N, C-alpha and C. Protein backbone atom coordinates (compact mmCIF):
# COMPACT_ATOMS: atom_id res chain seq x y z
N MET A 1 4.94 -6.95 -12.52
CA MET A 1 3.98 -8.59 -12.10
C MET A 1 3.36 -8.00 -11.13
N THR A 2 2.29 -8.84 -9.99
CA THR A 2 2.52 -7.88 -8.62
C THR A 2 2.76 -8.66 -7.99
N ARG A 3 4.40 -9.42 -7.33
CA ARG A 3 4.08 -10.22 -6.80
C ARG A 3 3.21 -10.99 -4.88
N GLU A 4 3.98 -12.23 -4.89
CA GLU A 4 2.85 -12.54 -3.77
C GLU A 4 3.32 -12.53 -2.35
N VAL A 5 2.60 -12.44 -1.90
CA VAL A 5 2.01 -11.99 0.12
C VAL A 5 3.62 -12.71 0.71
N GLY A 6 4.34 -11.88 1.21
CA GLY A 6 5.20 -11.77 2.07
C GLY A 6 6.87 -11.85 1.52
N GLU A 7 6.46 -13.06 -0.08
CA GLU A 7 7.72 -11.99 -1.10
C GLU A 7 8.37 -10.34 -0.80
N ASP A 8 9.95 -9.97 0.07
CA ASP A 8 9.76 -8.79 0.05
C ASP A 8 10.23 -8.33 -1.97
N VAL A 9 9.82 -6.83 -1.70
CA VAL A 9 9.67 -5.74 -3.24
C VAL A 9 10.99 -4.74 -2.38
N GLU A 10 11.16 -4.06 -3.03
CA GLU A 10 12.41 -3.61 -3.41
C GLU A 10 12.31 -2.32 -3.07
N SER A 11 10.95 -1.30 -2.83
CA SER A 11 9.99 -0.06 -2.77
C SER A 11 8.39 -0.50 -2.05
N LEU A 12 9.05 0.41 -1.28
CA LEU A 12 6.86 0.52 -0.38
C LEU A 12 6.26 0.47 -1.81
N ILE A 13 5.48 -0.53 -1.90
CA ILE A 13 4.30 0.02 -2.92
C ILE A 13 2.90 -0.24 -2.34
N VAL A 14 2.15 0.97 -3.03
CA VAL A 14 1.12 1.49 -2.26
C VAL A 14 -0.60 1.55 -4.31
N TYR A 15 -1.14 0.54 -3.63
CA TYR A 15 -2.13 0.35 -4.62
C TYR A 15 -3.58 0.60 -3.18
N SER A 16 -3.73 1.21 -4.68
CA SER A 16 -5.02 2.30 -4.75
C SER A 16 -5.34 2.70 -5.38
N THR A 17 -6.82 3.68 -5.22
CA THR A 17 -7.34 3.54 -7.08
C THR A 17 -7.29 5.54 -7.32
N GLU A 18 -7.29 5.80 -7.78
CA GLU A 18 -7.90 7.64 -8.35
C GLU A 18 -9.18 8.07 -7.65
N THR A 19 -9.79 7.92 -6.87
CA THR A 19 -11.53 8.59 -6.69
C THR A 19 -11.19 7.88 -4.48
N CYS A 20 -9.66 7.87 -4.69
CA CYS A 20 -9.43 6.89 -3.02
C CYS A 20 -9.01 8.26 -1.87
N GLY A 21 -10.02 8.55 -1.22
CA GLY A 21 -9.23 10.18 -0.37
C GLY A 21 -8.40 9.23 0.84
N MET A 22 -8.59 8.18 0.90
CA MET A 22 -7.43 8.46 1.94
C MET A 22 -6.76 7.32 1.69
N CYS A 23 -6.23 7.52 0.06
CA CYS A 23 -5.94 6.57 -0.66
C CYS A 23 -4.59 7.95 -1.32
N PHE A 24 -5.14 8.95 -1.46
CA PHE A 24 -4.23 10.96 -1.55
C PHE A 24 -4.21 10.82 -0.07
N ALA A 25 -4.51 11.19 0.47
CA ALA A 25 -3.79 11.44 2.63
C ALA A 25 -2.38 10.90 2.64
N LEU A 26 -2.45 9.30 2.59
CA LEU A 26 -1.54 8.56 2.52
C LEU A 26 0.20 8.51 1.98
N LYS A 27 -1.02 8.68 0.68
CA LYS A 27 0.56 9.24 -0.18
C LYS A 27 0.90 11.21 -0.16
N SER A 28 -0.32 11.70 -0.03
CA SER A 28 0.88 13.14 0.72
C SER A 28 1.57 12.92 2.04
N TRP A 29 0.89 11.78 2.94
CA TRP A 29 1.66 12.02 4.19
C TRP A 29 3.69 11.31 3.18
N LEU A 30 2.73 9.95 2.70
CA LEU A 30 4.36 9.43 2.74
C LEU A 30 5.51 10.93 1.33
N ARG A 31 5.51 11.73 0.99
CA ARG A 31 5.52 12.25 0.20
C ARG A 31 6.30 13.72 1.41
N SER A 32 5.61 13.91 2.64
CA SER A 32 5.94 14.83 3.30
C SER A 32 7.00 14.30 3.89
N TRP A 33 7.12 13.10 4.13
CA TRP A 33 8.45 12.50 5.32
C TRP A 33 9.90 12.32 4.08
N ASN A 34 9.88 12.59 2.36
CA ASN A 34 9.74 11.62 1.45
C ASN A 34 10.29 10.47 1.48
N VAL A 35 9.86 9.26 1.59
CA VAL A 35 9.04 8.00 2.00
C VAL A 35 9.58 7.59 0.11
N PRO A 36 9.78 7.41 -0.07
CA PRO A 36 9.13 7.24 -1.76
C PRO A 36 9.39 5.85 -1.85
N TYR A 37 8.64 5.92 -3.34
CA TYR A 37 6.80 4.98 -2.87
C TYR A 37 6.77 4.53 -4.30
N ASP A 38 6.54 3.08 -5.23
CA ASP A 38 5.50 3.45 -6.12
C ASP A 38 4.44 2.66 -6.44
N GLU A 39 3.28 3.56 -7.14
CA GLU A 39 1.81 3.38 -7.89
C GLU A 39 1.38 2.58 -8.48
N VAL A 40 0.52 2.02 -6.96
CA VAL A 40 0.02 1.02 -8.19
C VAL A 40 -2.02 0.82 -8.41
N ASP A 41 -2.61 1.12 -9.27
CA ASP A 41 -3.83 1.91 -9.39
C ASP A 41 -4.95 0.12 -9.34
N ILE A 42 -5.77 0.05 -8.31
CA ILE A 42 -5.77 -1.42 -9.20
C ILE A 42 -7.87 -1.76 -9.50
N SER A 43 -7.76 -0.53 -10.47
CA SER A 43 -8.48 -0.09 -10.95
C SER A 43 -8.31 -0.10 -12.35
N ARG A 44 -6.69 -0.59 -13.08
CA ARG A 44 -6.88 -0.67 -13.82
C ARG A 44 -5.35 -1.79 -14.16
N ASP A 45 -5.57 -2.41 -13.30
CA ASP A 45 -4.29 -3.64 -12.70
C ASP A 45 -5.06 -4.56 -12.93
N GLY A 46 -5.78 -5.35 -13.56
CA GLY A 46 -6.33 -6.88 -13.21
C GLY A 46 -5.21 -7.75 -11.73
N GLU A 47 -4.38 -8.05 -12.37
CA GLU A 47 -3.85 -9.14 -11.63
C GLU A 47 -3.26 -8.00 -9.90
N ALA A 48 -3.14 -6.48 -9.62
CA ALA A 48 -3.02 -6.00 -8.69
C ALA A 48 -4.00 -6.30 -7.98
N ARG A 49 -5.64 -6.45 -8.62
CA ARG A 49 -7.04 -5.85 -8.16
C ARG A 49 -6.88 -7.07 -7.61
N SER A 50 -6.08 -8.67 -7.94
CA SER A 50 -6.46 -9.90 -7.22
C SER A 50 -5.37 -10.31 -6.39
N PHE A 51 -4.47 -9.31 -6.24
CA PHE A 51 -3.64 -9.64 -5.26
C PHE A 51 -4.25 -9.06 -3.91
N VAL A 52 -5.09 -7.57 -3.88
CA VAL A 52 -5.57 -6.95 -2.38
C VAL A 52 -6.37 -8.05 -2.15
N ARG A 53 -7.52 -8.33 -3.34
CA ARG A 53 -8.48 -9.15 -2.74
C ARG A 53 -7.94 -10.12 -1.52
N ARG A 54 -6.72 -11.09 -2.78
CA ARG A 54 -6.51 -12.55 -1.35
C ARG A 54 -5.70 -11.61 -0.06
N VAL A 55 -5.38 -9.97 -0.09
CA VAL A 55 -4.59 -10.39 1.42
C VAL A 55 -5.04 -8.97 1.99
N ALA A 56 -6.71 -9.20 1.37
CA ALA A 56 -7.62 -8.04 2.40
C ALA A 56 -9.05 -9.08 2.33
N ARG A 57 -9.46 -10.07 2.25
CA ARG A 57 -10.15 -10.98 2.39
C ARG A 57 -11.42 -10.89 1.97
N GLY A 58 -10.53 -10.40 0.64
CA GLY A 58 -11.54 -10.81 -0.13
C GLY A 58 -12.42 -9.47 -0.76
N TYR A 59 -11.48 -8.04 -0.09
CA TYR A 59 -12.56 -7.29 -0.20
C TYR A 59 -11.21 -6.17 -1.23
N LEU A 60 -12.15 -5.63 -2.43
CA LEU A 60 -11.25 -4.66 -3.04
C LEU A 60 -10.16 -3.36 -1.89
N SER A 61 -9.84 -3.01 -0.86
CA SER A 61 -9.02 -2.42 0.04
C SER A 61 -8.38 -1.19 0.13
N VAL A 62 -8.77 -0.19 -0.53
CA VAL A 62 -7.31 0.79 -0.26
C VAL A 62 -6.88 1.33 0.69
N PRO A 63 -6.04 2.24 1.44
CA PRO A 63 -5.33 1.67 0.19
C PRO A 63 -5.02 0.27 1.23
N THR A 64 -3.93 0.16 0.08
CA THR A 64 -2.85 -1.27 0.98
C THR A 64 -1.75 -1.21 0.57
N VAL A 65 -0.79 -1.93 1.35
CA VAL A 65 1.09 -1.05 1.00
C VAL A 65 1.02 -1.77 1.53
N ARG A 66 2.65 -2.52 0.42
CA ARG A 66 3.44 -3.65 1.26
C ARG A 66 4.90 -2.84 0.69
N LEU A 67 6.16 -3.61 1.71
CA LEU A 67 6.79 -2.75 2.82
C LEU A 67 7.55 -3.97 1.67
N PRO A 68 8.51 -2.82 2.38
CA PRO A 68 9.87 -3.54 1.43
C PRO A 68 10.44 -5.40 2.59
N ASP A 69 9.91 -5.51 2.83
CA ASP A 69 10.13 -6.37 4.03
C ASP A 69 8.98 -7.81 3.92
N GLY A 70 8.22 -7.51 2.77
CA GLY A 70 7.08 -7.83 2.27
C GLY A 70 5.96 -8.04 3.55
N ARG A 71 6.09 -7.47 4.73
CA ARG A 71 4.87 -7.15 5.21
C ARG A 71 3.51 -6.48 4.58
N ILE A 72 2.60 -7.03 4.64
CA ILE A 72 1.20 -6.00 4.03
C ILE A 72 0.49 -4.84 5.42
N LEU A 73 -0.44 -4.58 5.10
CA LEU A 73 -0.71 -3.14 5.50
C LEU A 73 -1.35 -2.34 4.60
N VAL A 74 -2.86 -3.14 5.25
CA VAL A 74 -4.50 -3.24 4.59
C VAL A 74 -5.43 -1.85 5.06
N GLU A 75 -5.44 -0.96 4.78
CA GLU A 75 -6.01 0.33 5.12
C GLU A 75 -5.63 0.71 6.68
N PRO A 76 -4.09 1.46 6.13
CA PRO A 76 -2.95 0.90 8.49
C PRO A 76 -4.06 2.71 7.93
N ARG A 77 -4.22 2.63 9.39
CA ARG A 77 -3.71 4.05 10.29
C ARG A 77 -2.47 4.49 10.26
N ARG A 78 -2.13 6.25 10.12
CA ARG A 78 -0.82 6.80 10.19
C ARG A 78 0.02 6.06 11.14
N ALA A 79 -0.32 5.60 12.78
CA ALA A 79 0.81 5.26 13.36
C ALA A 79 0.65 4.35 12.97
N ASP A 80 0.35 2.68 12.00
CA ASP A 80 0.69 1.75 11.90
C ASP A 80 2.26 2.10 11.11
N LEU A 81 1.90 2.76 9.98
CA LEU A 81 1.80 3.13 9.15
C LEU A 81 3.70 2.87 9.81
N ALA A 82 3.90 4.48 9.65
CA ALA A 82 4.40 5.05 10.39
C ALA A 82 6.45 4.44 11.90
N ALA A 83 4.83 3.65 12.79
CA ALA A 83 6.06 2.17 13.01
C ALA A 83 6.71 1.27 12.13
N ALA A 84 6.11 0.36 11.14
CA ALA A 84 6.74 0.37 9.84
C ALA A 84 7.54 0.77 9.83
N LEU A 85 7.29 1.84 9.49
CA LEU A 85 8.90 2.47 8.25
C LEU A 85 9.75 3.20 9.35
N GLY A 86 8.97 2.91 11.22
CA GLY A 86 10.64 3.18 11.62
C GLY A 86 10.32 5.84 11.29
N LEU A 87 9.19 5.92 11.78
CA LEU A 87 9.27 7.47 11.75
C LEU A 87 7.99 7.66 13.08
N PRO A 88 8.45 9.37 12.92
CA PRO A 88 7.10 8.96 14.68
C PRO A 88 6.31 9.72 13.91
N ALA A 89 5.27 9.09 14.77
CA ALA A 89 3.79 8.78 14.94
C ALA A 89 3.33 10.69 14.13
């Protein structure tokens, strides 16, 4: 079940699709920093697709990242994600 915006989650969640190059790059970057994450493919999960639409102002913008503290980053720049995770840019 997809949680609501602002609700804390146990791990970082990456909402993506199989064909998204930006998603692939973001997940690769997270792995390079040993940042654990859960992945949700919005093309296969209608609830997740609706969630992404809500937080991305009606768009199916991926990658969308939900941080453990509940913050949402839509198509984040690497520097913004690094700052949110306390990593060097």
